[in-house]
PDB file of N, CA and C in Angstrom:
ATOM      1  N   MET A   1      -7.399  22.413   5.315  1.00  0.00           N
ATOM      2  CA  MET A   1      -6.685  21.736   4.261  1.00  0.00           C
ATOM      3  C   MET A   1      -6.547  20.260   4.635  1.00  0.00           C
ATOM      4  N   SER A   2      -6.755  19.370   3.676  1.00  0.00           N
ATOM      5  CA  SER A   2      -6.673  17.938   3.957  1.00  0.00           C
ATOM      6  C   SER A   2      -5.235  17.441   3.877  1.00  0.00           C
ATOM      7  N   SER A   3      -4.974  16.383   4.640  1.00  0.00           N
ATOM      8  CA  SER A   3      -3.650  15.769   4.632  1.00  0.00           C
ATOM      9  C   SER A   3      -3.805  14.261   4.685  1.00  0.00           C
ATOM     10  N   ILE A   4      -2.863  13.565   4.040  1.00  0.00           N
ATOM     11  CA  ILE A   4      -2.873  12.111   4.019  1.00  0.00           C
ATOM     12  C   ILE A   4      -2.267  11.617   5.331  1.00  0.00           C
ATOM     13  N   LYS A   5      -3.019  10.791   6.052  1.00  0.00           N
ATOM     14  CA  LYS A   5      -2.568  10.257   7.337  1.00  0.00           C
ATOM     15  C   LYS A   5      -2.029   8.831   7.212  1.00  0.00           C
ATOM     16  N   ARG A   6      -2.605   8.073   6.272  1.00  0.00           N
ATOM     17  CA  ARG A   6      -2.197   6.675   6.082  1.00  0.00           C
ATOM     18  C   ARG A   6      -2.456   6.315   4.633  1.00  0.00           C
ATOM     19  N   ILE A   7      -1.506   5.583   4.039  1.00  0.00           N
ATOM     20  CA  ILE A   7      -1.687   5.145   2.665  1.00  0.00           C
ATOM     21  C   ILE A   7      -1.099   3.745   2.518  1.00  0.00           C
ATOM     22  N   VAL A   8      -1.799   2.905   1.778  1.00  0.00           N
ATOM     23  CA  VAL A   8      -1.355   1.538   1.512  1.00  0.00           C
ATOM     24  C   VAL A   8      -1.143   1.421   0.009  1.00  0.00           C
ATOM     25  N   LEU A   9       0.086   1.076  -0.378  1.00  0.00           N
ATOM     26  CA  LEU A   9       0.455   1.006  -1.785  1.00  0.00           C
ATOM     27  C   LEU A   9       0.831  -0.415  -2.180  1.00  0.00           C
ATOM     28  N   ASP A  10       0.433  -0.809  -3.376  1.00  0.00           N
ATOM     29  CA  ASP A  10       0.882  -2.054  -3.990  1.00  0.00           C
ATOM     30  C   ASP A  10       2.091  -1.680  -4.834  1.00  0.00           C
ATOM     31  N   VAL A  11       3.269  -2.191  -4.460  1.00  0.00           N
ATOM     32  CA  VAL A  11       4.523  -1.788  -5.102  1.00  0.00           C
ATOM     33  C   VAL A  11       5.263  -3.013  -5.622  1.00  0.00           C
ATOM     34  N   LEU A  12       5.713  -2.926  -6.863  1.00  0.00           N
ATOM     35  CA  LEU A  12       6.580  -3.951  -7.449  1.00  0.00           C
ATOM     36  C   LEU A  12       7.999  -3.424  -7.397  1.00  0.00           C
ATOM     37  N   LYS A  13       8.897  -4.180  -6.740  1.00  0.00           N
ATOM     38  CA  LYS A  13      10.275  -3.728  -6.568  1.00  0.00           C
ATOM     39  C   LYS A  13      11.249  -4.824  -6.956  1.00  0.00           C
ATOM     40  N   PRO A  14      12.463  -4.446  -7.340  1.00  0.00           N
ATOM     41  CA  PRO A  14      13.495  -5.462  -7.572  1.00  0.00           C
ATOM     42  C   PRO A  14      13.915  -6.082  -6.236  1.00  0.00           C
ATOM     43  N   HIS A  15      14.641  -7.204  -6.298  1.00  0.00           N
ATOM     44  CA  HIS A  15      15.085  -7.855  -5.061  1.00  0.00           C
ATOM     45  C   HIS A  15      15.998  -6.956  -4.229  1.00  0.00           C
ATOM     46  N   GLN A  16      16.748  -6.102  -4.890  1.00  0.00           N
ATOM     47  CA  GLN A  16      17.631  -5.163  -4.190  1.00  0.00           C
ATOM     48  C   GLN A  16      17.177  -3.741  -4.483  1.00  0.00           C
ATOM     49  N   PRO A  17      17.020  -2.891  -3.527  1.00  0.00           N
ATOM     50  CA  PRO A  17      17.324  -3.105  -2.116  1.00  0.00           C
ATOM     51  C   PRO A  17      16.324  -4.064  -1.466  1.00  0.00           C
ATOM     52  N   ASN A  18      16.782  -4.733  -0.402  1.00  0.00           N
ATOM     53  CA  ASN A  18      15.884  -5.639   0.319  1.00  0.00           C
ATOM     54  C   ASN A  18      14.808  -4.822   1.043  1.00  0.00           C
ATOM     55  N   ALA A  19      13.834  -5.502   1.619  1.00  0.00           N
ATOM     56  CA  ALA A  19      12.690  -4.826   2.252  1.00  0.00           C
ATOM     57  C   ALA A  19      13.116  -3.861   3.352  1.00  0.00           C
ATOM     58  N   LEU A  20      14.116  -4.246   4.143  1.00  0.00           N
ATOM     59  CA  LEU A  20      14.586  -3.376   5.226  1.00  0.00           C
ATOM     60  C   LEU A  20      15.186  -2.087   4.673  1.00  0.00           C
ATOM     61  N   ASP A  21      16.076  -2.215   3.703  1.00  0.00           N
ATOM     62  CA  ASP A  21      16.703  -1.031   3.113  1.00  0.00           C
ATOM     63  C   ASP A  21      15.685  -0.183   2.348  1.00  0.00           C
ATOM     64  N   PHE A  22      14.731  -0.847   1.706  1.00  0.00           N
ATOM     65  CA  PHE A  22      13.679  -0.147   0.962  1.00  0.00           C
ATOM     66  C   PHE A  22      12.830   0.705   1.908  1.00  0.00           C
ATOM     67  N   ALA A  23      12.377   0.109   3.011  1.00  0.00           N
ATOM     68  CA  ALA A  23      11.565   0.838   3.996  1.00  0.00           C
ATOM     69  C   ALA A  23      12.368   1.971   4.622  1.00  0.00           C
ATOM     70  N   SER A  24      13.636   1.704   4.939  1.00  0.00           N
ATOM     71  CA  SER A  24      14.491   2.726   5.547  1.00  0.00           C
ATOM     72  C   SER A  24      14.701   3.908   4.605  1.00  0.00           C
ATOM     73  N   ALA A  25      14.884   3.634   3.322  1.00  0.00           N
ATOM     74  CA  ALA A  25      15.089   4.712   2.347  1.00  0.00           C
ATOM     75  C   ALA A  25      13.851   5.603   2.247  1.00  0.00           C
ATOM     76  N   ILE A  26      12.680   5.004   2.271  1.00  0.00           N
ATOM     77  CA  ILE A  26      11.442   5.788   2.226  1.00  0.00           C
ATOM     78  C   ILE A  26      11.320   6.634   3.491  1.00  0.00           C
ATOM     79  N   ALA A  27      11.563   6.037   4.643  1.00  0.00           N
ATOM     80  CA  ALA A  27      11.467   6.759   5.918  1.00  0.00           C
ATOM     81  C   ALA A  27      12.509   7.873   6.002  1.00  0.00           C
ATOM     82  N   ASP A  28      13.725   7.609   5.526  1.00  0.00           N
ATOM     83  CA  ASP A  28      14.790   8.620   5.577  1.00  0.00           C
ATOM     84  C   ASP A  28      14.457   9.860   4.762  1.00  0.00           C
ATOM     85  N   GLN A  29      13.723   9.695   3.673  1.00  0.00           N
ATOM     86  CA  GLN A  29      13.368  10.828   2.815  1.00  0.00           C
ATOM     87  C   GLN A  29      12.126  11.571   3.305  1.00  0.00           C
ATOM     88  N   ASN A  30      11.449  11.005   4.292  1.00  0.00           N
ATOM     89  CA  ASN A  30      10.182  11.577   4.757  1.00  0.00           C
ATOM     90  C   ASN A  30      10.127  11.547   6.274  1.00  0.00           C
ATOM     91  N   PRO A  31      10.812  12.488   6.928  1.00  0.00           N
ATOM     92  CA  PRO A  31      10.865  12.506   8.396  1.00  0.00           C
ATOM     93  C   PRO A  31       9.470  12.457   9.021  1.00  0.00           C
ATOM     94  N   GLY A  32       9.350  11.673  10.066  1.00  0.00           N
ATOM     95  CA  GLY A  32       8.076  11.547  10.765  1.00  0.00           C
ATOM     96  C   GLY A  32       7.184  10.442  10.230  1.00  0.00           C
ATOM     97  N   CYS A  33       7.593   9.801   9.136  1.00  0.00           N
ATOM     98  CA  CYS A  33       6.795   8.722   8.560  1.00  0.00           C
ATOM     99  C   CYS A  33       7.138   7.386   9.201  1.00  0.00           C
ATOM    100  N   HIS A  34       6.120   6.587   9.429  1.00  0.00           N
ATOM    101  CA  HIS A  34       6.272   5.199   9.868  1.00  0.00           C
ATOM    102  C   HIS A  34       6.007   4.348   8.628  1.00  0.00           C
ATOM    103  N   VAL A  35       6.961   3.482   8.256  1.00  0.00           N
ATOM    104  CA  VAL A  35       6.863   2.704   7.020  1.00  0.00           C
ATOM    105  C   VAL A  35       6.904   1.219   7.348  1.00  0.00           C
ATOM    106  N   LYS A  36       5.957   0.474   6.771  1.00  0.00           N
ATOM    107  CA  LYS A  36       5.923  -0.984   6.918  1.00  0.00           C
ATOM    108  C   LYS A  36       5.885  -1.590   5.516  1.00  0.00           C
ATOM    109  N   VAL A  37       6.807  -2.510   5.234  1.00  0.00           N
ATOM    110  CA  VAL A  37       6.848  -3.189   3.940  1.00  0.00           C
ATOM    111  C   VAL A  37       6.613  -4.670   4.170  1.00  0.00           C
ATOM    112  N   THR A  38       5.624  -5.238   3.476  1.00  0.00           N
ATOM    113  CA  THR A  38       5.335  -6.662   3.539  1.00  0.00           C
ATOM    114  C   THR A  38       5.527  -7.245   2.147  1.00  0.00           C
ATOM    115  N   VAL A  39       6.405  -8.242   2.037  1.00  0.00           N
ATOM    116  CA  VAL A  39       6.608  -8.927   0.762  1.00  0.00           C
ATOM    117  C   VAL A  39       5.523  -9.986   0.635  1.00  0.00           C
ATOM    118  N   THR A  40       4.740  -9.898  -0.453  1.00  0.00           N
ATOM    119  CA  THR A  40       3.624 -10.827  -0.629  1.00  0.00           C
ATOM    120  C   THR A  40       3.873 -11.866  -1.706  1.00  0.00           C
ATOM    121  N   GLU A  41       4.827 -11.588  -2.597  1.00  0.00           N
ATOM    122  CA  GLU A  41       5.119 -12.527  -3.674  1.00  0.00           C
ATOM    123  C   GLU A  41       6.530 -12.272  -4.182  1.00  0.00           C
ATOM    124  N   ILE A  42       7.229 -13.332  -4.529  1.00  0.00           N
ATOM    125  CA  ILE A  42       8.587 -13.220  -5.050  1.00  0.00           C
ATOM    126  C   ILE A  42       8.659 -14.019  -6.347  1.00  0.00           C
ATOM    127  N   ASP A  43       9.254 -13.411  -7.375  1.00  0.00           N
ATOM    128  CA  ASP A  43       9.551 -14.182  -8.569  1.00  0.00           C
ATOM    129  C   ASP A  43      11.032 -14.040  -8.876  1.00  0.00           C
ATOM    130  N   GLU A  44      11.435 -14.399 -10.064  1.00  0.00           N
ATOM    131  CA  GLU A  44      12.858 -14.449 -10.395  1.00  0.00           C
ATOM    132  C   GLU A  44      13.575 -13.103 -10.253  1.00  0.00           C
ATOM    133  N   LYS A  45      12.898 -12.012 -10.630  1.00  0.00           N
ATOM    134  CA  LYS A  45      13.565 -10.707 -10.636  1.00  0.00           C
ATOM    135  C   LYS A  45      12.932  -9.663  -9.724  1.00  0.00           C
ATOM    136  N   THR A  46      11.704  -9.893  -9.278  1.00  0.00           N
ATOM    137  CA  THR A  46      10.995  -8.851  -8.537  1.00  0.00           C
ATOM    138  C   THR A  46      10.281  -9.398  -7.307  1.00  0.00           C
ATOM    139  N   GLU A  47       9.837  -8.460  -6.481  1.00  0.00           N
ATOM    140  CA  GLU A  47       9.023  -8.763  -5.306  1.00  0.00           C
ATOM    141  C   GLU A  47       7.788  -7.873  -5.339  1.00  0.00           C
ATOM    142  N   THR A  48       6.640  -8.464  -5.108  1.00  0.00           N
ATOM    143  CA  THR A  48       5.418  -7.687  -4.943  1.00  0.00           C
ATOM    144  C   THR A  48       5.312  -7.377  -3.455  1.00  0.00           C
ATOM    145  N   THR A  49       5.110  -6.116  -3.135  1.00  0.00           N
ATOM    146  CA  THR A  49       5.066  -5.701  -1.739  1.00  0.00           C
ATOM    147  C   THR A  49       3.842  -4.844  -1.461  1.00  0.00           C
ATOM    148  N   VAL A  50       3.463  -4.825  -0.201  1.00  0.00           N
ATOM    149  CA  VAL A  50       2.454  -3.900   0.296  1.00  0.00           C
ATOM    150  C   VAL A  50       3.208  -2.930   1.196  1.00  0.00           C
ATOM    151  N   VAL A  51       3.144  -1.651   0.857  1.00  0.00           N
ATOM    152  CA  VAL A  51       3.846  -0.613   1.609  1.00  0.00           C
ATOM    153  C   VAL A  51       2.811   0.233   2.335  1.00  0.00           C
ATOM    154  N   VAL A  52       2.894   0.244   3.664  1.00  0.00           N
ATOM    155  CA  VAL A  52       1.978   1.031   4.491  1.00  0.00           C
ATOM    156  C   VAL A  52       2.780   2.179   5.095  1.00  0.00           C
ATOM    157  N   ILE A  53       2.296   3.391   4.870  1.00  0.00           N
ATOM    158  CA  ILE A  53       2.972   4.583   5.383  1.00  0.00           C
ATOM    159  C   ILE A  53       1.977   5.356   6.232  1.00  0.00           C
ATOM    160  N   GLU A  54       2.432   5.744   7.432  1.00  0.00           N
ATOM    161  CA  GLU A  54       1.596   6.528   8.341  1.00  0.00           C
ATOM    162  C   GLU A  54       2.380   7.746   8.806  1.00  0.00           C
ATOM    163  N   SER A  55       1.693   8.880   8.902  1.00  0.00           N
ATOM    164  CA  SER A  55       2.308  10.123   9.347  1.00  0.00           C
ATOM    165  C   SER A  55       1.210  11.155   9.563  1.00  0.00           C
ATOM    166  N   ASP A  56       1.583  12.300  10.090  1.00  0.00           N
ATOM    167  CA  ASP A  56       0.610  13.384  10.249  1.00  0.00           C
ATOM    168  C   ASP A  56       0.259  14.025   8.911  1.00  0.00           C
ATOM    169  N   ASP A  57       1.202  14.010   7.978  1.00  0.00           N
ATOM    170  CA  ASP A  57       0.974  14.611   6.659  1.00  0.00           C
ATOM    171  C   ASP A  57       1.937  13.966   5.664  1.00  0.00           C
ATOM    172  N   ILE A  58       1.474  12.943   4.954  1.00  0.00           N
ATOM    173  CA  ILE A  58       2.320  12.188   4.036  1.00  0.00           C
ATOM    174  C   ILE A  58       2.466  12.949   2.726  1.00  0.00           C
ATOM    175  N   PRO A  59       3.716  13.210   2.310  1.00  0.00           N
ATOM    176  CA  PRO A  59       3.954  13.880   1.030  1.00  0.00           C
ATOM    177  C   PRO A  59       3.939  12.847  -0.105  1.00  0.00           C
ATOM    178  N   TYR A  60       2.764  12.576  -0.659  1.00  0.00           N
ATOM    179  CA  TYR A  60       2.589  11.481  -1.613  1.00  0.00           C
ATOM    180  C   TYR A  60       3.577  11.557  -2.779  1.00  0.00           C
ATOM    181  N   GLN A  61       3.724  12.706  -3.392  1.00  0.00           N
ATOM    182  CA  GLN A  61       4.600  12.815  -4.551  1.00  0.00           C
ATOM    183  C   GLN A  61       6.053  12.489  -4.187  1.00  0.00           C
ATOM    184  N   THR A  62       6.498  12.919  -3.031  1.00  0.00           N
ATOM    185  CA  THR A  62       7.854  12.600  -2.567  1.00  0.00           C
ATOM    186  C   THR A  62       8.004  11.103  -2.346  1.00  0.00           C
ATOM    187  N   ILE A  63       6.971  10.468  -1.810  1.00  0.00           N
ATOM    188  CA  ILE A  63       6.988   9.012  -1.611  1.00  0.00           C
ATOM    189  C   ILE A  63       7.148   8.308  -2.957  1.00  0.00           C
ATOM    190  N   VAL A  64       6.351   8.699  -3.938  1.00  0.00           N
ATOM    191  CA  VAL A  64       6.418   8.071  -5.265  1.00  0.00           C
ATOM    192  C   VAL A  64       7.794   8.282  -5.887  1.00  0.00           C
ATOM    193  N   GLU A  65       8.336   9.485  -5.782  1.00  0.00           N
ATOM    194  CA  GLU A  65       9.663   9.764  -6.333  1.00  0.00           C
ATOM    195  C   GLU A  65      10.734   8.905  -5.649  1.00  0.00           C
ATOM    196  N   THR A  66      10.623   8.717  -4.347  1.00  0.00           N
ATOM    197  CA  THR A  66      11.570   7.879  -3.620  1.00  0.00           C
ATOM    198  C   THR A  66      11.465   6.429  -4.086  1.00  0.00           C
ATOM    199  N   ILE A  67      10.250   5.929  -4.210  1.00  0.00           N
ATOM    200  CA  ILE A  67      10.023   4.545  -4.638  1.00  0.00           C
ATOM    201  C   ILE A  67      10.567   4.323  -6.043  1.00  0.00           C
ATOM    202  N   THR A  68      10.262   5.207  -6.971  1.00  0.00           N
ATOM    203  CA  THR A  68      10.760   5.033  -8.339  1.00  0.00           C
ATOM    204  C   THR A  68      12.275   5.202  -8.405  1.00  0.00           C
ATOM    205  N   GLY A  69      12.824   6.047  -7.556  1.00  0.00           N
ATOM    206  CA  GLY A  69      14.272   6.216  -7.486  1.00  0.00           C
ATOM    207  C   GLY A  69      14.986   4.958  -7.012  1.00  0.00           C
ATOM    208  N   LEU A  70      14.268   4.091  -6.327  1.00  0.00           N
ATOM    209  CA  LEU A  70      14.813   2.822  -5.859  1.00  0.00           C
ATOM    210  C   LEU A  70      14.590   1.699  -6.867  1.00  0.00           C
ATOM    211  N   GLY A  71      14.079   2.047  -8.054  1.00  0.00           N
ATOM    212  CA  GLY A  71      13.869   1.060  -9.109  1.00  0.00           C
ATOM    213  C   GLY A  71      12.547   0.325  -9.034  1.00  0.00           C
ATOM    214  N   ALA A  72      11.639   0.792  -8.199  1.00  0.00           N
ATOM    215  CA  ALA A  72      10.339   0.142  -8.017  1.00  0.00           C
ATOM    216  C   ALA A  72       9.242   0.971  -8.689  1.00  0.00           C
ATOM    217  N   SER A  73       8.039   0.410  -8.720  1.00  0.00           N
ATOM    218  CA  SER A  73       6.910   1.155  -9.288  1.00  0.00           C
ATOM    219  C   SER A  73       5.657   0.923  -8.447  1.00  0.00           C
ATOM    220  N   VAL A  74       4.880   1.982  -8.312  1.00  0.00           N
ATOM    221  CA  VAL A  74       3.615   1.912  -7.585  1.00  0.00           C
ATOM    222  C   VAL A  74       2.561   1.386  -8.552  1.00  0.00           C
ATOM    223  N   HIS A  75       1.989   0.230  -8.225  1.00  0.00           N
ATOM    224  CA  HIS A  75       0.944  -0.336  -9.076  1.00  0.00           C
ATOM    225  C   HIS A  75      -0.422   0.240  -8.753  1.00  0.00           C
ATOM    226  N   SER A  76      -0.682   0.473  -7.458  1.00  0.00           N
ATOM    227  CA  SER A  76      -1.986   1.022  -7.086  1.00  0.00           C
ATOM    228  C   SER A  76      -1.957   1.564  -5.670  1.00  0.00           C
ATOM    229  N   ILE A  77      -2.919   2.440  -5.410  1.00  0.00           N
ATOM    230  CA  ILE A  77      -3.211   2.882  -4.051  1.00  0.00           C
ATOM    231  C   ILE A  77      -4.354   1.983  -3.591  1.00  0.00           C
ATOM    232  N   ASP A  78      -4.076   1.114  -2.609  1.00  0.00           N
ATOM    233  CA  ASP A  78      -5.081   0.155  -2.169  1.00  0.00           C
ATOM    234  C   ASP A  78      -5.936   0.661  -1.018  1.00  0.00           C
ATOM    235  N   GLU A  79      -5.417   1.642  -0.288  1.00  0.00           N
ATOM    236  CA  GLU A  79      -6.163   2.206   0.835  1.00  0.00           C
ATOM    237  C   GLU A  79      -5.568   3.575   1.143  1.00  0.00           C
ATOM    238  N   VAL A  80      -6.413   4.499   1.548  1.00  0.00           N
ATOM    239  CA  VAL A  80      -5.917   5.825   1.918  1.00  0.00           C
ATOM    240  C   VAL A  80      -6.810   6.403   3.004  1.00  0.00           C
ATOM    241  N   GLU A  81      -6.181   7.100   3.932  1.00  0.00           N
ATOM    242  CA  GLU A  81      -6.890   7.807   4.995  1.00  0.00           C
ATOM    243  C   GLU A  81      -6.491   9.273   4.920  1.00  0.00           C
ATOM    244  N   VAL A  82      -7.465  10.142   4.802  1.00  0.00           N
ATOM    245  CA  VAL A  82      -7.212  11.572   4.690  1.00  0.00           C
ATOM    246  C   VAL A  82      -7.995  12.288   5.771  1.00  0.00           C
ATOM    247  N   SER A  83      -7.378  13.324   6.351  1.00  0.00           N
ATOM    248  CA  SER A  83      -8.044  14.116   7.373  1.00  0.00           C
ATOM    249  C   SER A  83      -8.074  15.566   6.915  1.00  0.00           C
ATOM    250  N   ASN A  84      -9.174  16.227   7.223  1.00  0.00           N
ATOM    251  CA  ASN A  84      -9.295  17.638   6.891  1.00  0.00           C
ATOM    252  C   ASN A  84      -9.305  18.425   8.195  1.00  0.00           C
ATOM    253  N   SER A  85      -8.228  19.146   8.410  1.00  0.00           N
ATOM    254  CA  SER A  85      -8.096  19.943   9.635  1.00  0.00           C
ATOM    255  C   SER A  85      -8.849  21.250   9.481  1.00  0.00           C
ATOM    256  N   PRO A  86      -9.412  21.761  10.573  1.00  0.00           N
ATOM    257  CA  PRO A  86     -10.062  23.057  10.491  1.00  0.00           C
ATOM    258  C   PRO A  86      -9.028  24.143  10.211  1.00  0.00           C
ATOM    259  N   PRO A  87      -9.430  25.221   9.559  1.00  0.00           N
ATOM    260  CA  PRO A  87      -8.469  26.305   9.294  1.00  0.00           C
ATOM    261  C   PRO A  87      -7.973  26.912  10.604  1.00  0.00           C
ATOM    262  N   PRO A  88      -6.732  27.387  10.607  1.00  0.00           N
ATOM    263  CA  PRO A  88      -6.195  27.992  11.843  1.00  0.00           C
ATOM    264  C   PRO A  88      -6.999  29.240  12.223  1.00  0.00           C
ATOM    265  N   GLU A  89      -7.157  29.437  13.523  1.00  0.00           N
ATOM    266  CA  GLU A  89      -7.892  30.612  13.990  1.00  0.00           C
ATOM    267  C   GLU A  89      -6.987  31.836  13.915  1.00  0.00           C
ATOM    268  N   ARG A  90      -7.611  32.963  13.670  1.00  0.00           N
ATOM    269  CA  ARG A  90      -6.848  34.214  13.550  1.00  0.00           C
ATOM    270  C   ARG A  90      -6.803  34.933  14.856  1.00  0.00           C
TER     271      ARG A  90
END
């Protein structure tokens, strides 16, 4: 079964929560995830960010739900790394 190991998202978020709180909220909802948020552009009401998430098995739908719950939106998946593990031996 394949699992997402790394994903890079283009995310538009409001100024609040700030990048630190935003990254922490994503990590708190997804134990074992390493989250990096880079703000690439700021305008009057929003920030364009690049969100990099790494883990052994990233729960993509949970990540999206967390991001939208924080008032942000995923614009695109800019990069993804997926691994296919061999089936467990019997």
